[in-house]
Structure formats: C-alpha cells, structure tokens
C-alpha cells in the first residue's frame, strides 16, 4: 500500500487515470460516488474540456453500488449521480456505464449478474474508492466478509445519516443497496482510495495501520498488491507513520507514478 499525503490528491489521481486510458483506450474504470471522489472527477472534466485529456470513447465504467428502492431515473441513484458528475461530461456513452440492477424482480440474481458483467469486461483496471466514517468500503459495512461478492446489504443508521445530506431527510434514504463486495473490489488491478477531512481520520488510521479485520472493511486494501491511499493533512492526522509516508513519497522517482 502506498500512502500519499498531499493537497493535490485530485490531480494525482487524474494523472493516473489519464495515463491508464492513454495506454489502454478501452480501459475499465470502477467509479465511486459521494463527496470524496469529486476532486478527481472535477479535475478530469476540467482537463477534458480544455482539450488536454485523452479520449474516453472506448472506456467502460462500473459503479460500486446502487440504492434499492428508488424509482428509475431518481437523481440520487448512483447511476444518475455518476452520469451527472463525471461520465456524461467525459463523453462516455451511457450504455458503457453499468450499475447493479435494483429492479425488484431481479434482486435475487442482481449480484451474480453484476459479477458476470465485470468479468465479461475483463475486470476493472482501476477502482476509485472513498471510505466511510466507520471504515466501510463501498457499502460493505463493518462485519462484512472480506471475501464477499456483489450482493444486497442493509445500511446502518450511521451510513444513512451520513447520506441524508443528499436527500430531503434521513427518512428518504433507502435502507438497502446493491454493492460490490470486498472480494470483488480486491480483484481490480489498481485501487485508488481518497479521503479528506478530520471526520475520516480515525477510519483511515484503522484501514491503513490497524489490523486487517471485518471491523474495518477498508483494511482489506492492505491485502492488495497495488493500492494507493490519497489523503489531505486532516484525514492523515491519526496516522502514526505520517512523517514516514511523506518522506517516502518525496523521494519517489517521478517515472514510477502512483
């Protein structure tokens, strides 16, 4: 795991995504929603509009998760959110952006079908991730199996409260989601997790320096051969080895990238 403490996390992640797409125009991107990845997406869009970014015409995307119980096309569904916040502006055709299917009749097989779709696409090359204040990754809440696959999960009260800012009230936040499992996430080629603010400091410290445990689902990043954690100073404030991470990154050869 590489831990990078920086005030330019969005730009660093955008550099990495653009390098991947230039090297592999048909790359498969895994996309998270929420506030954490927005600096990455805003940077990618700004570069694309300026004409300095790569073409995304052949890129395919898979979202991490999807609410269960929202009507089709609801603006806070994760599919609509990622279309609005990234892929439409990058010119990625909507049929190339896939999310788990939350339609009621298909729920029993939705997880297996999503796993098959990712496998048919050749797997996710780069997965963008955030982290919940309780250490959840995607919607794998504490206690989730470290080998889990895409499935339906019940949201905790804390997670629903965290997400209430996107709805009129917490009562409007669905109780269930379809989410990629921790085992699914670990199969991606490169994991890029971004976190900012003091509210994420405890979860980041547990994920990066604590034991690998279902108590902190994001700790599975420690098991991945190519995981990058991008943090601002506040999110890194609970790390015992913060000075070491800064020293190592400052001495890193530029050609290595993330």
Protein backbone atom coordinates (compact mmCIF):
# COMPACT_ATOMS: atom_id res chain seq x y z
CA UNK A 1 0.00 0.00 0.00
CA UNK A 2 1.22 3.48 -0.89
CA UNK A 3 0.02 6.32 1.33
CA UNK A 4 0.30 9.81 -0.15
CA UNK A 5 -0.40 12.87 1.99
CA UNK A 6 -0.98 15.77 -0.36
CA UNK A 7 -3.08 18.82 -1.10
CA UNK A 8 -3.25 17.75 -4.75
CA UNK A 9 -4.99 14.37 -4.44
CA UNK A 10 -7.46 15.09 -7.24
CA UNK A 11 -4.72 15.99 -9.70
CA UNK A 12 -2.58 12.98 -8.80
CA UNK A 13 -5.47 10.58 -9.25
CA UNK A 14 -6.48 12.27 -12.52
CA UNK A 15 -2.92 11.87 -13.79
CA UNK A 16 -3.09 8.17 -13.04
CA UNK A 17 -6.46 7.67 -14.71
CA UNK A 18 -5.42 9.60 -17.80
CA UNK A 19 -2.18 7.62 -18.09
CA UNK A 20 -4.16 4.38 -17.93
CA UNK A 21 -6.64 5.49 -20.60
CA UNK A 22 -3.87 6.68 -22.91
CA UNK A 23 -2.10 3.33 -22.56
CA UNK A 24 -5.34 1.34 -22.78
CA UNK A 25 -8.09 3.26 -24.59
CA UNK A 26 -10.59 0.51 -23.71
CA UNK A 27 -9.76 0.59 -20.01
CA UNK A 28 -12.39 -0.41 -17.45
CA UNK A 29 -12.90 2.11 -14.64
CA UNK A 30 -14.63 1.42 -11.34
CA UNK A 31 -16.33 4.55 -10.06
CA UNK A 32 -17.38 5.56 -6.57
CA UNK A 33 -19.89 8.29 -5.79
CA UNK A 34 -20.11 10.59 -2.78
CA UNK A 35 -18.14 13.70 -1.94
CA UNK A 36 -14.68 12.10 -1.62
CA UNK A 37 -14.03 11.38 -5.32
CA UNK A 38 -15.35 14.74 -6.56
CA UNK A 39 -11.91 16.42 -6.73
CA UNK A 40 -10.77 13.64 -9.07
CA UNK A 41 -13.83 13.91 -11.28
CA UNK A 42 -13.73 17.69 -11.40
CA UNK A 43 -10.08 17.59 -12.44
CA UNK A 44 -10.76 15.03 -15.19
CA UNK A 45 -13.66 17.10 -16.53
CA UNK A 46 -11.67 20.34 -16.48
CA UNK A 47 -8.84 18.73 -18.47
CA UNK A 48 -11.28 17.14 -20.91
CA UNK A 49 -12.98 20.49 -21.54
CA UNK A 50 -9.58 22.12 -22.02
CA UNK A 51 -8.75 19.53 -24.66
CA UNK A 52 -5.75 18.11 -22.78
CA UNK A 53 -7.32 14.84 -21.66
CA UNK A 54 -7.46 11.54 -23.55
CA UNK A 55 -10.44 10.22 -25.47
CA UNK A 56 -12.81 8.16 -23.33
CA UNK A 57 -14.82 6.83 -26.26
CA UNK A 58 -13.85 3.19 -25.67
CA UNK A 59 -13.77 3.27 -21.86
CA UNK A 60 -16.22 1.17 -19.87
CA UNK A 61 -17.34 2.00 -16.33
CA UNK A 62 -18.86 0.10 -13.44
CA UNK A 63 -20.26 1.82 -10.37
CA UNK A 64 -19.50 0.47 -6.92
CA UNK A 65 -23.09 0.27 -5.78
CA UNK A 66 -26.73 1.26 -6.22
CA UNK A 67 -29.62 2.07 -3.95
CA UNK A 68 -32.53 -0.36 -3.80
CA UNK A 69 -35.99 1.17 -3.71
CA UNK A 70 -35.54 4.40 -5.64
CA UNK A 71 -37.57 4.84 -8.84
CA UNK A 72 -35.72 4.53 -12.16
CA UNK A 73 -34.00 7.78 -13.04
CA UNK A 74 -34.11 9.16 -9.48
CA UNK A 75 -31.47 11.93 -9.32
CA UNK A 76 -29.83 10.43 -6.23
CA UNK A 77 -29.47 6.95 -7.67
CA UNK A 78 -25.80 6.17 -8.08
CA UNK A 79 -26.13 5.62 -11.80
CA UNK A 80 -27.70 9.05 -12.32
CA UNK A 81 -25.14 10.61 -9.97
CA UNK A 82 -22.11 9.25 -11.83
CA UNK A 83 -23.61 10.20 -15.19
CA UNK A 84 -24.16 13.74 -13.91
CA UNK A 85 -20.88 14.14 -12.05
CA UNK A 86 -18.45 12.51 -14.48
CA UNK A 87 -19.21 10.27 -17.41
CA UNK A 88 -21.57 12.50 -19.42
CA UNK A 89 -19.02 15.32 -19.28
CA UNK A 90 -16.24 12.97 -20.41
CA UNK A 91 -18.28 11.87 -23.40
CA UNK A 92 -18.64 8.27 -22.23
CA UNK A 93 -21.76 6.80 -23.82
CA UNK A 94 -24.39 5.91 -21.24
CA UNK A 95 -24.61 2.33 -22.43
CA UNK A 96 -20.95 1.95 -21.44
CA UNK A 97 -21.73 2.84 -17.82
CA UNK A 98 -23.14 -0.05 -15.81
CA UNK A 99 -24.59 -0.27 -12.29
CA UNK A 100 -26.10 -3.14 -10.32
CA UNK A 101 -29.72 -3.71 -11.33
CA UNK A 102 -32.06 -2.72 -8.45
CA UNK A 103 -35.35 -3.64 -10.10
CA UNK A 104 -37.41 -5.67 -7.61
CA UNK A 105 -37.93 -8.73 -9.79
CA UNK A 106 -34.21 -9.05 -10.50
CA UNK A 107 -32.86 -8.62 -6.98
CA UNK A 108 -32.25 -12.33 -6.28
CA UNK A 109 -29.81 -12.56 -9.21
CA UNK A 110 -28.58 -8.95 -9.38
CA UNK A 111 -25.29 -9.64 -7.60
CA UNK A 112 -24.33 -12.65 -9.70
CA UNK A 113 -25.26 -10.82 -12.91
CA UNK A 114 -23.11 -7.84 -11.97
CA UNK A 115 -20.15 -10.06 -11.14
CA UNK A 116 -20.55 -11.75 -14.54
CA UNK A 117 -20.69 -8.39 -16.33
CA UNK A 118 -17.45 -7.22 -14.69
CA UNK A 119 -15.77 -10.50 -15.58
CA UNK A 120 -17.02 -10.30 -19.18
CA UNK A 121 -15.49 -6.81 -19.46
CA UNK A 122 -12.11 -8.21 -18.46
CA UNK A 123 -12.23 -6.91 -14.90
CA UNK A 124 -11.80 -3.41 -13.50
CA UNK A 125 -8.43 -1.87 -14.29
CA UNK A 126 -8.65 0.99 -11.78
CA UNK A 127 -11.16 1.33 -8.98
CA UNK A 128 -11.82 4.71 -7.35
CA UNK A 129 -12.80 4.40 -3.68
CA UNK A 130 -13.84 6.51 -0.72
CA UNK A 131 -14.07 5.43 2.90
CA UNK A 132 -16.95 5.76 5.33
CA UNK A 133 -16.56 7.32 8.75
CA UNK A 134 -16.98 3.82 10.23
CA UNK A 135 -14.46 2.29 7.81
CA UNK A 136 -16.99 0.94 5.33
CA UNK A 137 -15.82 0.43 1.77
CA UNK A 138 -18.47 0.78 -0.92
CA UNK A 139 -21.43 -0.35 1.19
CA UNK A 140 -19.60 -3.15 2.91
CA UNK A 141 -20.39 -2.20 6.49
CA UNK A 142 -18.32 -3.39 9.48
CA UNK A 143 -18.74 -7.13 9.80
CA UNK A 144 -18.80 -7.78 6.05
CA UNK A 145 -16.94 -10.81 4.77
CA UNK A 146 -13.50 -9.95 3.41
CA UNK A 147 -14.19 -12.33 0.51
CA UNK A 148 -17.70 -11.03 -0.25
CA UNK A 149 -19.10 -10.63 -3.76
CA UNK A 150 -21.72 -8.21 -5.10
CA UNK A 151 -24.91 -8.58 -3.08
CA UNK A 152 -27.70 -6.69 -1.32
CA UNK A 153 -26.85 -5.11 2.01
CA UNK A 154 -28.76 -3.26 4.73
CA UNK A 155 -27.41 0.20 5.53
CA UNK A 156 -26.60 1.08 9.12
CA UNK A 157 -28.21 4.08 10.79
CA UNK A 158 -24.85 5.89 10.71
CA UNK A 159 -24.43 5.42 6.97
CA UNK A 160 -27.99 6.55 6.30
CA UNK A 161 -27.36 9.61 8.45
CA UNK A 162 -24.12 10.31 6.53
CA UNK A 163 -26.01 10.13 3.23
CA UNK A 164 -29.02 12.15 4.36
CA UNK A 165 -27.41 15.34 3.03
CA UNK A 166 -28.23 14.14 -0.49
CA UNK A 167 -31.94 13.75 0.33
CA UNK A 168 -34.66 15.90 1.88
CA UNK A 169 -34.34 13.96 5.14
CA UNK A 170 -32.83 10.78 6.55
CA UNK A 171 -36.24 9.15 6.21
CA UNK A 172 -35.86 9.35 2.42
CA UNK A 173 -32.57 7.45 2.38
CA UNK A 174 -33.16 3.83 1.29
CA UNK A 175 -32.47 1.05 3.76
CA UNK A 176 -30.89 -1.29 1.21
CA UNK A 177 -28.26 -1.19 -1.52
CA UNK A 178 -26.61 -3.49 -4.00
CA UNK A 179 -22.86 -3.22 -3.53
CA UNK A 180 -19.71 -4.73 -4.89
CA UNK A 181 -18.22 -7.00 -2.26
CA UNK A 182 -14.79 -6.66 -0.71
CA UNK A 183 -13.64 -9.67 -2.70
CA UNK A 184 -14.93 -8.02 -5.88
CA UNK A 185 -13.06 -4.79 -5.13
CA UNK A 186 -9.84 -6.69 -4.44
CA UNK A 187 -9.92 -8.14 -7.96
CA UNK A 188 -9.44 -4.70 -9.56
CA UNK A 189 -5.99 -4.02 -10.95
CA UNK A 190 -5.34 -0.77 -9.05
CA UNK A 191 -7.24 0.59 -6.06
CA UNK A 192 -7.19 4.36 -5.50
CA UNK A 193 -8.80 5.48 -2.26
CA UNK A 194 -9.20 9.18 -1.49
CA UNK A 195 -10.19 10.75 1.83
CA UNK A 196 -10.23 14.25 3.25
CA UNK A 197 -11.17 15.99 6.47
CA UNK A 198 -10.84 15.16 10.16
CA UNK A 199 -14.04 13.12 10.13
CA UNK A 200 -12.26 10.38 8.19
CA UNK A 201 -9.04 10.35 10.27
CA UNK A 202 -9.98 7.51 12.63
CA UNK A 203 -11.27 5.30 9.82
CA UNK A 204 -8.18 5.98 7.70
CA UNK A 205 -5.86 5.12 10.59
CA UNK A 206 -7.71 1.84 11.18
CA UNK A 207 -7.66 0.97 7.48
CA UNK A 208 -4.02 1.81 6.86
CA UNK A 209 -2.26 0.96 10.13
CA UNK A 210 -4.69 -1.25 12.01
CA UNK A 211 -5.20 -4.99 11.64
CA UNK A 212 -6.92 -6.44 8.61
CA UNK A 213 -10.35 -7.06 10.03
CA UNK A 214 -14.02 -7.10 9.13
CA UNK A 215 -14.40 -4.47 11.86
CA UNK A 216 -12.82 -2.02 9.40
CA UNK A 217 -13.74 -3.24 5.91
CA UNK A 218 -11.38 -0.74 4.22
CA UNK A 219 -8.45 -2.53 5.87
CA UNK A 220 -8.64 -5.06 3.02
CA UNK A 221 -6.63 -2.56 0.99
CA UNK A 222 -3.62 -3.87 2.90
CA UNK A 223 -4.05 -7.18 1.05
CA UNK A 224 -3.94 -5.64 -2.43
CA UNK A 225 -0.68 -5.58 -4.42
CA UNK A 226 -1.39 -2.12 -5.91
CA UNK A 227 -3.37 0.11 -3.56
CA UNK A 228 -2.91 3.88 -3.33
CA UNK A 229 -4.35 5.97 -0.48
CA UNK A 230 -4.56 9.72 -1.13
CA UNK A 231 -5.10 11.89 1.96
CA UNK A 232 -5.09 15.52 2.97
CA UNK A 233 -3.40 16.53 6.24
CA UNK A 234 -6.64 16.31 8.23
CA UNK A 235 -7.52 12.79 7.06
CA UNK A 236 -3.93 11.72 7.78
CA UNK A 237 -3.88 13.22 11.27
CA UNK A 238 -4.43 9.88 13.02
CA UNK A 239 -1.57 8.07 11.27
CA UNK A 240 1.40 7.13 13.46
CA UNK A 241 3.73 6.92 10.45
CA UNK A 242 2.61 10.07 8.63
CA UNK A 243 6.14 11.51 8.54
CA UNK A 244 7.43 8.30 7.01
CA UNK A 245 4.80 8.37 4.26
CA UNK A 246 5.70 11.98 3.43
CA UNK A 247 9.41 11.16 3.31
CA UNK A 248 8.95 8.15 1.06
CA UNK A 249 6.69 9.96 -1.41
CA UNK A 250 9.01 12.99 -1.56
CA UNK A 251 11.88 10.70 -2.59
CA UNK A 252 9.88 8.69 -5.10
CA UNK A 253 11.14 8.79 -8.72
CA UNK A 254 8.66 10.67 -10.89
CA UNK A 255 8.65 7.95 -13.54
CA UNK A 256 7.08 5.49 -11.11
CA UNK A 257 3.77 7.36 -10.89
CA UNK A 258 1.20 6.06 -8.43
